[in-house]
PDB file of N, CA and C in Angstrom:
ATOM      1  N   MET A   1      25.953  29.819  79.156  1.00  0.00           N
ATOM      2  CA  MET A   1      24.542  30.040  78.936  1.00  0.00           C
ATOM      3  C   MET A   1      23.694  29.170  79.847  1.00  0.00           C
ATOM      4  N   GLY A   2      24.289  28.243  80.550  1.00  0.00           N
ATOM      5  CA  GLY A   2      23.505  27.402  81.442  1.00  0.00           C
ATOM      6  C   GLY A   2      22.810  26.288  80.692  1.00  0.00           C
ATOM      7  N   GLY A   3      21.844  25.664  81.352  1.00  0.00           N
ATOM      8  CA  GLY A   3      21.090  24.573  80.742  1.00  0.00           C
ATOM      9  C   GLY A   3      20.106  25.068  79.705  1.00  0.00           C
ATOM     10  N   CYS A   4      19.689  24.175  78.855  1.00  0.00           N
ATOM     11  CA  CYS A   4      18.731  24.515  77.804  1.00  0.00           C
ATOM     12  C   CYS A   4      17.314  24.236  78.264  1.00  0.00           C
ATOM     13  N   ARG A   5      16.429  25.183  78.024  1.00  0.00           N
ATOM     14  CA  ARG A   5      15.015  24.979  78.332  1.00  0.00           C
ATOM     15  C   ARG A   5      14.355  24.208  77.198  1.00  0.00           C
ATOM     16  N   SER A   6      13.241  23.603  77.515  1.00  0.00           N
ATOM     17  CA  SER A   6      12.461  22.887  76.506  1.00  0.00           C
ATOM     18  C   SER A   6      11.727  23.889  75.625  1.00  0.00           C
ATOM     19  N   VAL A   7      11.632  23.579  74.352  1.00  0.00           N
ATOM     20  CA  VAL A   7      10.907  24.439  73.420  1.00  0.00           C
ATOM     21  C   VAL A   7       9.418  24.475  73.747  1.00  0.00           C
ATOM     22  N   SER A   8       8.956  23.527  74.533  1.00  0.00           N
ATOM     23  CA  SER A   8       7.546  23.517  74.939  1.00  0.00           C
ATOM     24  C   SER A   8       7.214  24.711  75.836  1.00  0.00           C
ATOM     25  N   GLN A   9       8.218  25.397  76.338  1.00  0.00           N
ATOM     26  CA  GLN A   9       8.004  26.597  77.148  1.00  0.00           C
ATOM     27  C   GLN A   9       7.797  27.844  76.291  1.00  0.00           C
ATOM     28  N   PHE A  10       7.727  27.637  74.981  1.00  0.00           N
ATOM     29  CA  PHE A  10       7.478  28.729  74.044  1.00  0.00           C
ATOM     30  C   PHE A  10       6.229  28.394  73.237  1.00  0.00           C
ATOM     31  N   GLU A  11       5.372  29.369  73.055  1.00  0.00           N
ATOM     32  CA  GLU A  11       4.173  29.194  72.240  1.00  0.00           C
ATOM     33  C   GLU A  11       4.444  29.803  70.871  1.00  0.00           C
ATOM     34  N   LYS A  12       4.472  28.951  69.847  1.00  0.00           N
ATOM     35  CA  LYS A  12       4.680  29.450  68.478  1.00  0.00           C
ATOM     36  C   LYS A  12       3.431  30.202  68.038  1.00  0.00           C
ATOM     37  N   LEU A  13       3.621  31.449  67.617  1.00  0.00           N
ATOM     38  CA  LEU A  13       2.502  32.293  67.203  1.00  0.00           C
ATOM     39  C   LEU A  13       2.299  32.263  65.693  1.00  0.00           C
ATOM     40  N   ASN A  14       3.390  32.378  64.946  1.00  0.00           N
ATOM     41  CA  ASN A  14       3.310  32.279  63.498  1.00  0.00           C
ATOM     42  C   ASN A  14       4.710  32.106  62.915  1.00  0.00           C
ATOM     43  N   ARG A  15       4.732  31.571  61.721  1.00  0.00           N
ATOM     44  CA  ARG A  15       5.988  31.380  60.990  1.00  0.00           C
ATOM     45  C   ARG A  15       6.325  32.694  60.302  1.00  0.00           C
ATOM     46  N   ILE A  16       7.549  33.180  60.492  1.00  0.00           N
ATOM     47  CA  ILE A  16       7.906  34.474  59.903  1.00  0.00           C
ATOM     48  C   ILE A  16       8.970  34.385  58.822  1.00  0.00           C
ATOM     49  N   GLY A  17       9.581  33.234  58.656  1.00  0.00           N
ATOM     50  CA  GLY A  17      10.578  33.126  57.601  1.00  0.00           C
ATOM     51  C   GLY A  17      11.194  31.749  57.528  1.00  0.00           C
ATOM     52  N   GLU A  18      11.856  31.524  56.402  1.00  0.00           N
ATOM     53  CA  GLU A  18      12.565  30.262  56.196  1.00  0.00           C
ATOM     54  C   GLU A  18      13.757  30.537  55.311  1.00  0.00           C
ATOM     55  N   GLY A  19      14.870  29.943  55.669  1.00  0.00           N
ATOM     56  CA  GLY A  19      16.075  30.118  54.887  1.00  0.00           C
ATOM     57  C   GLY A  19      16.795  28.796  54.721  1.00  0.00           C
ATOM     58  N   THR A  20      17.991  28.869  54.227  1.00  0.00           N
ATOM     59  CA  THR A  20      18.804  27.684  53.996  1.00  0.00           C
ATOM     60  C   THR A  20      19.070  26.931  55.289  1.00  0.00           C
ATOM     61  N   TYR A  21      19.237  27.665  56.389  1.00  0.00           N
ATOM     62  CA  TYR A  21      19.686  27.044  57.626  1.00  0.00           C
ATOM     63  C   TYR A  21      18.590  26.796  58.647  1.00  0.00           C
ATOM     64  N   GLY A  22      17.353  27.204  58.354  1.00  0.00           N
ATOM     65  CA  GLY A  22      16.301  26.939  59.320  1.00  0.00           C
ATOM     66  C   GLY A  22      15.025  27.719  59.089  1.00  0.00           C
ATOM     67  N   VAL A  23      14.042  27.433  59.929  1.00  0.00           N
ATOM     68  CA  VAL A  23      12.732  28.083  59.905  1.00  0.00           C
ATOM     69  C   VAL A  23      12.643  28.965  61.140  1.00  0.00           C
ATOM     70  N   VAL A  24      12.068  30.173  60.972  1.00  0.00           N
ATOM     71  CA  VAL A  24      11.962  31.115  62.086  1.00  0.00           C
ATOM     72  C   VAL A  24      10.488  31.364  62.400  1.00  0.00           C
ATOM     73  N   TYR A  25      10.179  31.324  63.691  1.00  0.00           N
ATOM     74  CA  TYR A  25       8.824  31.564  64.184  1.00  0.00           C
ATOM     75  C   TYR A  25       8.827  32.765  65.123  1.00  0.00           C
ATOM     76  N   ARG A  26       7.719  33.479  65.145  1.00  0.00           N
ATOM     77  CA  ARG A  26       7.473  34.451  66.207  1.00  0.00           C
ATOM     78  C   ARG A  26       6.829  33.634  67.314  1.00  0.00           C
ATOM     79  N   ALA A  27       7.349  33.782  68.535  1.00  0.00           N
ATOM     80  CA  ALA A  27       6.873  32.949  69.635  1.00  0.00           C
ATOM     81  C   ALA A  27       6.777  33.776  70.913  1.00  0.00           C
ATOM     82  N   ARG A  28       6.025  33.244  71.856  1.00  0.00           N
ATOM     83  CA  ARG A  28       5.881  33.877  73.168  1.00  0.00           C
ATOM     84  C   ARG A  28       6.497  32.963  74.215  1.00  0.00           C
ATOM     85  N   ASP A  29       7.397  33.522  75.007  1.00  0.00           N
ATOM     86  CA  ASP A  29       7.989  32.798  76.130  1.00  0.00           C
ATOM     87  C   ASP A  29       6.901  32.697  77.199  1.00  0.00           C
ATOM     88  N   THR A  30       6.455  31.506  77.509  1.00  0.00           N
ATOM     89  CA  THR A  30       5.338  31.341  78.438  1.00  0.00           C
ATOM     90  C   THR A  30       5.718  31.674  79.879  1.00  0.00           C
ATOM     91  N   LEU A  31       7.016  31.739  80.184  1.00  0.00           N
ATOM     92  CA  LEU A  31       7.443  32.097  81.536  1.00  0.00           C
ATOM     93  C   LEU A  31       7.484  33.612  81.733  1.00  0.00           C
ATOM     94  N   SER A  32       8.004  34.335  80.730  1.00  0.00           N
ATOM     95  CA  SER A  32       8.166  35.788  80.863  1.00  0.00           C
ATOM     96  C   SER A  32       7.137  36.588  80.068  1.00  0.00           C
ATOM     97  N   ASN A  33       6.397  35.928  79.186  1.00  0.00           N
ATOM     98  CA  ASN A  33       5.432  36.577  78.285  1.00  0.00           C
ATOM     99  C   ASN A  33       6.108  37.404  77.185  1.00  0.00           C
ATOM    100  N   GLU A  34       7.408  37.324  77.073  1.00  0.00           N
ATOM    101  CA  GLU A  34       8.164  38.079  76.076  1.00  0.00           C
ATOM    102  C   GLU A  34       7.984  37.459  74.688  1.00  0.00           C
ATOM    103  N   ILE A  35       7.878  38.315  73.668  1.00  0.00           N
ATOM    104  CA  ILE A  35       7.834  37.847  72.279  1.00  0.00           C
ATOM    105  C   ILE A  35       9.272  37.686  71.798  1.00  0.00           C
ATOM    106  N   VAL A  36       9.572  36.529  71.209  1.00  0.00           N
ATOM    107  CA  VAL A  36      10.924  36.215  70.742  1.00  0.00           C
ATOM    108  C   VAL A  36      10.855  35.639  69.326  1.00  0.00           C
ATOM    109  N   ALA A  37      12.000  35.555  68.694  1.00  0.00           N
ATOM    110  CA  ALA A  37      12.133  34.822  67.438  1.00  0.00           C
ATOM    111  C   ALA A  37      12.719  33.463  67.785  1.00  0.00           C
ATOM    112  N   LEU A  38      12.121  32.427  67.272  1.00  0.00           N
ATOM    113  CA  LEU A  38      12.528  31.055  67.556  1.00  0.00           C
ATOM    114  C   LEU A  38      12.984  30.433  66.242  1.00  0.00           C
ATOM    115  N   LYS A  39      14.278  30.191  66.114  1.00  0.00           N
ATOM    116  CA  LYS A  39      14.827  29.642  64.870  1.00  0.00           C
ATOM    117  C   LYS A  39      15.155  28.170  65.060  1.00  0.00           C
ATOM    118  N   LYS A  40      14.462  27.324  64.293  1.00  0.00           N
ATOM    119  CA  LYS A  40      14.733  25.887  64.351  1.00  0.00           C
ATOM    120  C   LYS A  40      15.881  25.579  63.396  1.00  0.00           C
ATOM    121  N   ILE A  41      16.925  24.983  63.930  1.00  0.00           N
ATOM    122  CA  ILE A  41      18.097  24.634  63.130  1.00  0.00           C
ATOM    123  C   ILE A  41      17.748  23.453  62.231  1.00  0.00           C
ATOM    124  N   ARG A  42      18.044  23.593  60.960  1.00  0.00           N
ATOM    125  CA  ARG A  42      17.792  22.523  59.995  1.00  0.00           C
ATOM    126  C   ARG A  42      18.812  21.409  60.198  1.00  0.00           C
ATOM    127  N   MET A  43      18.304  20.188  60.447  1.00  0.00           N
ATOM    128  CA  MET A  43      19.180  19.062  60.780  1.00  0.00           C
ATOM    129  C   MET A  43      18.997  17.859  59.859  1.00  0.00           C
ATOM    130  N   GLU A  44      18.136  17.956  58.852  1.00  0.00           N
ATOM    131  CA  GLU A  44      17.795  16.746  58.098  1.00  0.00           C
ATOM    132  C   GLU A  44      18.956  16.095  57.354  1.00  0.00           C
ATOM    133  N   ARG A  45      20.005  16.847  57.037  1.00  0.00           N
ATOM    134  CA  ARG A  45      21.138  16.256  56.317  1.00  0.00           C
ATOM    135  C   ARG A  45      22.290  15.866  57.239  1.00  0.00           C
ATOM    136  N   GLU A  46      22.104  16.088  58.523  1.00  0.00           N
ATOM    137  CA  GLU A  46      23.197  15.854  59.465  1.00  0.00           C
ATOM    138  C   GLU A  46      23.125  14.460  60.075  1.00  0.00           C
ATOM    139  N   LYS A  47      24.272  13.795  60.100  1.00  0.00           N
ATOM    140  CA  LYS A  47      24.364  12.485  60.721  1.00  0.00           C
ATOM    141  C   LYS A  47      25.300  12.523  61.922  1.00  0.00           C
ATOM    142  N   ASP A  48      26.151  13.560  61.965  1.00  0.00           N
ATOM    143  CA  ASP A  48      27.196  13.623  62.989  1.00  0.00           C
ATOM    144  C   ASP A  48      27.029  14.801  63.940  1.00  0.00           C
ATOM    145  N   GLY A  49      25.787  15.142  64.290  1.00  0.00           N
ATOM    146  CA  GLY A  49      25.583  16.206  65.262  1.00  0.00           C
ATOM    147  C   GLY A  49      25.132  17.518  64.634  1.00  0.00           C
ATOM    148  N   ILE A  50      25.408  18.593  65.337  1.00  0.00           N
ATOM    149  CA  ILE A  50      24.963  19.922  64.933  1.00  0.00           C
ATOM    150  C   ILE A  50      25.761  20.383  63.713  1.00  0.00           C
ATOM    151  N   PRO A  51      25.083  20.944  62.710  1.00  0.00           N
ATOM    152  CA  PRO A  51      25.791  21.420  61.519  1.00  0.00           C
ATOM    153  C   PRO A  51      26.830  22.487  61.875  1.00  0.00           C
ATOM    154  N   VAL A  52      27.944  22.472  61.190  1.00  0.00           N
ATOM    155  CA  VAL A  52      29.013  23.434  61.451  1.00  0.00           C
ATOM    156  C   VAL A  52      28.520  24.869  61.222  1.00  0.00           C
ATOM    157  N   THR A  53      27.596  25.061  60.280  1.00  0.00           N
ATOM    158  CA  THR A  53      27.064  26.408  60.034  1.00  0.00           C
ATOM    159  C   THR A  53      26.297  26.917  61.257  1.00  0.00           C
ATOM    160  N   ALA A  54      25.559  26.033  61.921  1.00  0.00           N
ATOM    161  CA  ALA A  54      24.825  26.414  63.127  1.00  0.00           C
ATOM    162  C   ALA A  54      25.798  26.726  64.259  1.00  0.00           C
ATOM    163  N   LEU A  55      26.839  25.923  64.399  1.00  0.00           N
ATOM    164  CA  LEU A  55      27.839  26.178  65.436  1.00  0.00           C
ATOM    165  C   LEU A  55      28.522  27.523  65.218  1.00  0.00           C
ATOM    166  N   ARG A  56      28.820  27.849  63.966  1.00  0.00           N
ATOM    167  CA  ARG A  56      29.424  29.149  63.658  1.00  0.00           C
ATOM    168  C   ARG A  56      28.480  30.285  64.015  1.00  0.00           C
ATOM    169  N   GLU A  57      27.208  30.145  63.630  1.00  0.00           N
ATOM    170  CA  GLU A  57      26.222  31.184  63.928  1.00  0.00           C
ATOM    171  C   GLU A  57      26.089  31.385  65.437  1.00  0.00           C
ATOM    172  N   ILE A  58      25.992  30.308  66.184  1.00  0.00           N
ATOM    173  CA  ILE A  58      25.878  30.385  67.640  1.00  0.00           C
ATOM    174  C   ILE A  58      27.097  31.069  68.232  1.00  0.00           C
ATOM    175  N   ASN A  59      28.280  30.660  67.805  1.00  0.00           N
ATOM    176  CA  ASN A  59      29.520  31.235  68.321  1.00  0.00           C
ATOM    177  C   ASN A  59      29.609  32.735  68.031  1.00  0.00           C
ATOM    178  N   ILE A  60      29.268  33.125  66.820  1.00  0.00           N
ATOM    179  CA  ILE A  60      29.322  34.547  66.453  1.00  0.00           C
ATOM    180  C   ILE A  60      28.319  35.343  67.284  1.00  0.00           C
ATOM    181  N   LEU A  61      27.081  34.850  67.358  1.00  0.00           N
ATOM    182  CA  LEU A  61      26.055  35.585  68.089  1.00  0.00           C
ATOM    183  C   LEU A  61      26.334  35.659  69.593  1.00  0.00           C
ATOM    184  N   LEU A  62      26.949  34.634  70.151  1.00  0.00           N
ATOM    185  CA  LEU A  62      27.298  34.667  71.573  1.00  0.00           C
ATOM    186  C   LEU A  62      28.366  35.707  71.874  1.00  0.00           C
ATOM    187  N   ASN A  63      29.245  35.944  70.921  1.00  0.00           N
ATOM    188  CA  ASN A  63      30.369  36.857  71.141  1.00  0.00           C
ATOM    189  C   ASN A  63      30.144  38.257  70.586  1.00  0.00           C
ATOM    190  N   LEU A  64      29.044  38.459  69.916  1.00  0.00           N
ATOM    191  CA  LEU A  64      28.788  39.733  69.250  1.00  0.00           C
ATOM    192  C   LEU A  64      27.751  40.533  70.022  1.00  0.00           C
ATOM    193  N   ARG A  65      28.051  41.775  70.290  1.00  0.00           N
ATOM    194  CA  ARG A  65      27.099  42.683  70.938  1.00  0.00           C
ATOM    195  C   ARG A  65      27.069  43.972  70.127  1.00  0.00           C
ATOM    196  N   HIS A  66      25.982  44.169  69.396  1.00  0.00           N
ATOM    197  CA  HIS A  66      25.818  45.389  68.602  1.00  0.00           C
ATOM    198  C   HIS A  66      24.339  45.720  68.562  1.00  0.00           C
ATOM    199  N   GLU A  67      24.017  47.001  68.679  1.00  0.00           N
ATOM    200  CA  GLU A  67      22.613  47.409  68.745  1.00  0.00           C
ATOM    201  C   GLU A  67      21.838  47.107  67.470  1.00  0.00           C
ATOM    202  N   ASN A  68      22.509  46.896  66.358  1.00  0.00           N
ATOM    203  CA  ASN A  68      21.834  46.636  65.087  1.00  0.00           C
ATOM    204  C   ASN A  68      21.790  45.162  64.719  1.00  0.00           C
ATOM    205  N   ILE A  69      22.207  44.300  65.618  1.00  0.00           N
ATOM    206  CA  ILE A  69      22.194  42.850  65.365  1.00  0.00           C
ATOM    207  C   ILE A  69      21.409  42.181  66.493  1.00  0.00           C
ATOM    208  N   VAL A  70      20.456  41.329  66.110  1.00  0.00           N
ATOM    209  CA  VAL A  70      19.638  40.672  67.130  1.00  0.00           C
ATOM    210  C   VAL A  70      20.511  39.835  68.060  1.00  0.00           C
ATOM    211  N   ARG A  71      20.090  39.775  69.300  1.00  0.00           N
ATOM    212  CA  ARG A  71      20.848  39.069  70.329  1.00  0.00           C
ATOM    213  C   ARG A  71      20.322  37.647  70.483  1.00  0.00           C
ATOM    214  N   LEU A  72      21.240  36.710  70.583  1.00  0.00           N
ATOM    215  CA  LEU A  72      20.898  35.325  70.909  1.00  0.00           C
ATOM    216  C   LEU A  72      20.676  35.271  72.411  1.00  0.00           C
ATOM    217  N   LYS A  73      19.460  34.938  72.822  1.00  0.00           N
ATOM    218  CA  LYS A  73      19.109  34.928  74.238  1.00  0.00           C
ATOM    219  C   LYS A  73      19.455  33.593  74.894  1.00  0.00           C
ATOM    220  N   GLU A  74      19.147  32.506  74.182  1.00  0.00           N
ATOM    221  CA  GLU A  74      19.407  31.173  74.722  1.00  0.00           C
ATOM    222  C   GLU A  74      19.207  30.140  73.626  1.00  0.00           C
ATOM    223  N   ILE A  75      19.523  28.908  73.954  1.00  0.00           N
ATOM    224  CA  ILE A  75      19.290  27.785  73.056  1.00  0.00           C
ATOM    225  C   ILE A  75      18.263  26.887  73.733  1.00  0.00           C
ATOM    226  N   SER A  76      17.309  26.427  72.953  1.00  0.00           N
ATOM    227  CA  SER A  76      16.228  25.593  73.479  1.00  0.00           C
ATOM    228  C   SER A  76      16.214  24.275  72.706  1.00  0.00           C
ATOM    229  N   VAL A  77      15.713  23.233  73.336  1.00  0.00           N
ATOM    230  CA  VAL A  77      15.697  21.918  72.695  1.00  0.00           C
ATOM    231  C   VAL A  77      14.286  21.340  72.689  1.00  0.00           C
ATOM    232  N   GLY A  78      14.035  20.488  71.700  1.00  0.00           N
ATOM    233  CA  GLY A  78      12.773  19.769  71.608  1.00  0.00           C
ATOM    234  C   GLY A  78      12.885  18.426  72.295  1.00  0.00           C
ATOM    235  N   ARG A  79      11.920  17.560  72.008  1.00  0.00           N
ATOM    236  CA  ARG A  79      11.918  16.233  72.633  1.00  0.00           C
ATOM    237  C   ARG A  79      13.067  15.366  72.149  1.00  0.00           C
ATOM    238  N   LYS A  80      13.427  15.543  70.880  1.00  0.00           N
ATOM    239  CA  LYS A  80      14.534  14.773  70.312  1.00  0.00           C
ATOM    240  C   LYS A  80      15.787  15.643  70.277  1.00  0.00           C
ATOM    241  N   LEU A  81      16.936  15.016  70.269  1.00  0.00           N
ATOM    242  CA  LEU A  81      18.198  15.753  70.241  1.00  0.00           C
ATOM    243  C   LEU A  81      18.418  16.504  68.937  1.00  0.00           C
ATOM    244  N   ASP A  82      17.678  16.127  67.891  1.00  0.00           N
ATOM    245  CA  ASP A  82      17.869  16.827  66.623  1.00  0.00           C
ATOM    246  C   ASP A  82      16.910  18.014  66.465  1.00  0.00           C
ATOM    247  N   ASN A  83      16.210  18.394  67.519  1.00  0.00           N
ATOM    248  CA  ASN A  83      15.347  19.582  67.524  1.00  0.00           C
ATOM    249  C   ASN A  83      16.004  20.658  68.368  1.00  0.00           C
ATOM    250  N   ILE A  84      16.765  21.528  67.713  1.00  0.00           N
ATOM    251  CA  ILE A  84      17.503  22.587  68.390  1.00  0.00           C
ATOM    252  C   ILE A  84      16.973  23.930  67.891  1.00  0.00           C
ATOM    253  N   PHE A  85      16.718  24.828  68.820  1.00  0.00           N
ATOM    254  CA  PHE A  85      16.160  26.134  68.502  1.00  0.00           C
ATOM    255  C   PHE A  85      17.031  27.236  69.088  1.00  0.00           C
ATOM    256  N   LEU A  86      17.243  28.291  68.308  1.00  0.00           N
ATOM    257  CA  LEU A  86      17.893  29.492  68.815  1.00  0.00           C
ATOM    258  C   LEU A  86      16.791  30.451  69.234  1.00  0.00           C
ATOM    259  N   VAL A  87      16.839  30.918  70.456  1.00  0.00           N
ATOM    260  CA  VAL A  87      15.871  31.891  70.964  1.00  0.00           C
ATOM    261  C   VAL A  87      16.539  33.251  70.858  1.00  0.00           C
ATOM    262  N   MET A  88      15.955  34.110  70.013  1.00  0.00           N
ATOM    263  CA  MET A  88      16.583  35.397  69.718  1.00  0.00           C
ATOM    264  C   MET A  88      15.621  36.547  69.967  1.00  0.00           C
ATOM    265  N   GLU A  89      16.189  37.737  70.063  1.00  0.00           N
ATOM    266  CA  GLU A  89      15.349  38.926  70.138  1.00  0.00           C
ATOM    267  C   GLU A  89      14.443  38.954  68.924  1.00  0.00           C
ATOM    268  N   TYR A  90      13.240  39.451  69.091  1.00  0.00           N
ATOM    269  CA  TYR A  90      12.312  39.563  67.971  1.00  0.00           C
ATOM    270  C   TYR A  90      12.351  40.981  67.414  1.00  0.00           C
ATOM    271  N   CYS A  91      12.451  41.098  66.103  1.00  0.00           N
ATOM    272  CA  CYS A  91      12.396  42.388  65.408  1.00  0.00           C
ATOM    273  C   CYS A  91      11.172  42.391  64.515  1.00  0.00           C
ATOM    274  N   GLU A  92      10.450  43.488  64.525  1.00  0.00           N
ATOM    275  CA  GLU A  92       9.265  43.617  63.679  1.00  0.00           C
ATOM    276  C   GLU A  92       9.627  43.555  62.196  1.00  0.00           C
ATOM    277  N   GLN A  93      10.779  44.073  61.847  1.00  0.00           N
ATOM    278  CA  GLN A  93      11.154  44.216  60.434  1.00  0.00           C
ATOM    279  C   GLN A  93      12.579  43.725  60.233  1.00  0.00           C
ATOM    280  N   ASP A  94      12.828  42.998  59.156  1.00  0.00           N
ATOM    281  CA  ASP A  94      14.193  42.647  58.808  1.00  0.00           C
ATOM    282  C   ASP A  94      14.594  43.469  57.587  1.00  0.00           C
ATOM    283  N   ILE A  95      15.876  43.637  57.387  1.00  0.00           N
ATOM    284  CA  ILE A  95      16.377  44.528  56.329  1.00  0.00           C
ATOM    285  C   ILE A  95      15.953  44.068  54.940  1.00  0.00           C
ATOM    286  N   ALA A  96      15.898  42.763  54.703  1.00  0.00           N
ATOM    287  CA  ALA A  96      15.526  42.261  53.370  1.00  0.00           C
ATOM    288  C   ALA A  96      14.090  42.629  53.018  1.00  0.00           C
ATOM    289  N   SER A  97      13.155  42.405  53.951  1.00  0.00           N
ATOM    290  CA  SER A  97      11.761  42.739  53.643  1.00  0.00           C
ATOM    291  C   SER A  97      11.556  44.248  53.585  1.00  0.00           C
ATOM    292  N   LEU A  98      12.309  44.996  54.384  1.00  0.00           N
ATOM    293  CA  LEU A  98      12.244  46.452  54.316  1.00  0.00           C
ATOM    294  C   LEU A  98      12.654  46.939  52.932  1.00  0.00           C
ATOM    295  N   LEU A  99      13.750  46.419  52.425  1.00  0.00           N
ATOM    296  CA  LEU A  99      14.224  46.821  51.088  1.00  0.00           C
ATOM    297  C   LEU A  99      13.258  46.378  49.995  1.00  0.00           C
ATOM    298  N   ASP A 100      12.676  45.178  50.143  1.00  0.00           N
ATOM    299  CA  ASP A 100      11.729  44.667  49.147  1.00  0.00           C
ATOM    300  C   ASP A 100      10.458  45.509  49.061  1.00  0.00           C
ATOM    301  N   ASN A 101      10.054  46.105  50.180  1.00  0.00           N
ATOM    302  CA  ASN A 101       8.783  46.816  50.239  1.00  0.00           C
ATOM    303  C   ASN A 101       8.911  48.333  50.196  1.00  0.00           C
ATOM    304  N   MET A 102      10.097  48.839  49.947  1.00  0.00           N
ATOM    305  CA  MET A 102      10.293  50.291  49.886  1.00  0.00           C
ATOM    306  C   MET A 102       9.762  50.838  48.563  1.00  0.00           C
ATOM    307  N   PRO A 103       8.950  51.891  48.615  1.00  0.00           N
ATOM    308  CA  PRO A 103       8.469  52.471  47.369  1.00  0.00           C
ATOM    309  C   PRO A 103       9.581  53.194  46.601  1.00  0.00           C
ATOM    310  N   LEU A 104      10.533  53.776  47.330  1.00  0.00           N
ATOM    311  CA  LEU A 104      11.670  54.486  46.731  1.00  0.00           C
ATOM    312  C   LEU A 104      12.947  54.054  47.429  1.00  0.00           C
ATOM    313  N   PRO A 105      14.081  54.116  46.745  1.00  0.00           N
ATOM    314  CA  PRO A 105      15.346  53.778  47.412  1.00  0.00           C
ATOM    315  C   PRO A 105      15.655  54.788  48.528  1.00  0.00           C
ATOM    316  N   PHE A 106      16.554  54.409  49.430  1.00  0.00           N
ATOM    317  CA  PHE A 106      16.985  55.343  50.466  1.00  0.00           C
ATOM    318  C   PHE A 106      17.595  56.575  49.814  1.00  0.00           C
ATOM    319  N   SER A 107      17.358  57.728  50.419  1.00  0.00           N
ATOM    320  CA  SER A 107      18.004  58.960  49.939  1.00  0.00           C
ATOM    321  C   SER A 107      19.436  58.982  50.458  1.00  0.00           C
ATOM    322  N   GLU A 108      20.248  59.853  49.896  1.00  0.00           N
ATOM    323  CA  GLU A 108      21.636  59.970  50.332  1.00  0.00           C
ATOM    324  C   GLU A 108      21.708  60.370  51.803  1.00  0.00           C
ATOM    325  N   SER A 109      20.832  61.259  52.237  1.00  0.00           N
ATOM    326  CA  SER A 109      20.852  61.689  53.636  1.00  0.00           C
ATOM    327  C   SER A 109      20.467  60.546  54.580  1.00  0.00           C
ATOM    328  N   GLN A 110      19.536  59.668  54.144  1.00  0.00           N
ATOM    329  CA  GLN A 110      19.164  58.525  54.980  1.00  0.00           C
ATOM    330  C   GLN A 110      20.319  57.542  55.109  1.00  0.00           C
ATOM    331  N   VAL A 111      21.058  57.328  54.029  1.00  0.00           N
ATOM    332  CA  VAL A 111      22.204  56.423  54.069  1.00  0.00           C
ATOM    333  C   VAL A 111      23.288  57.002  54.979  1.00  0.00           C
ATOM    334  N   CYS A 112      23.555  58.289  54.864  1.00  0.00           N
ATOM    335  CA  CYS A 112      24.554  58.933  55.724  1.00  0.00           C
ATOM    336  C   CYS A 112      24.138  58.888  57.180  1.00  0.00           C
ATOM    337  N   SER A 113      22.851  59.074  57.430  1.00  0.00           N
ATOM    338  CA  SER A 113      22.322  59.016  58.793  1.00  0.00           C
ATOM    339  C   SER A 113      22.490  57.609  59.367  1.00  0.00           C
ATOM    340  N   ALA A 114      22.184  56.591  58.565  1.00  0.00           N
ATOM    341  CA  ALA A 114      22.329  55.205  59.011  1.00  0.00           C
ATOM    342  C   ALA A 114      23.791  54.867  59.278  1.00  0.00           C
ATOM    343  N   ARG A 115      24.693  55.374  58.462  1.00  0.00           N
ATOM    344  CA  ARG A 115      26.130  55.113  58.677  1.00  0.00           C
ATOM    345  C   ARG A 115      26.598  55.682  59.995  1.00  0.00           C
ATOM    346  N   SER A 116      26.043  56.815  60.404  1.00  0.00           N
ATOM    347  CA  SER A 116      26.478  57.438  61.646  1.00  0.00           C
ATOM    348  C   SER A 116      26.025  56.644  62.868  1.00  0.00           C
ATOM    349  N   LEU A 117      25.058  55.754  62.698  1.00  0.00           N
ATOM    350  CA  LEU A 117      24.578  54.917  63.802  1.00  0.00           C
ATOM    351  C   LEU A 117      25.518  53.771  64.120  1.00  0.00           C
ATOM    352  N   THR A 118      26.358  53.380  63.160  1.00  0.00           N
ATOM    353  CA  THR A 118      27.221  52.208  63.380  1.00  0.00           C
ATOM    354  C   THR A 118      28.525  52.556  64.036  1.00  0.00           C
TER     355      THR A 118
END
């Protein structure tokens, strides 16, 4: 993947989510103007480097290529070594919020159609 760029090369636009392993922002790459998802790896409990869960996620995303899974574009760093960010493709909608906001469940034909995409 080459060297890591500074996170200062990304403009955080808004916070879009938070989970067990980190906070995700919608951001703009100031070099390419591309909108990306910027995931800050949660490090507050770590004393011995990058959490194993983050290493697993990075390894899986680096080796996985599927049209239905966001791509890890690069890893970016902050001023301190404990500020690590995953720069990923940005998706307007994630499956969890889509399911939460659906007025009706998927129909059988929609599920069959989605299965044929994989």
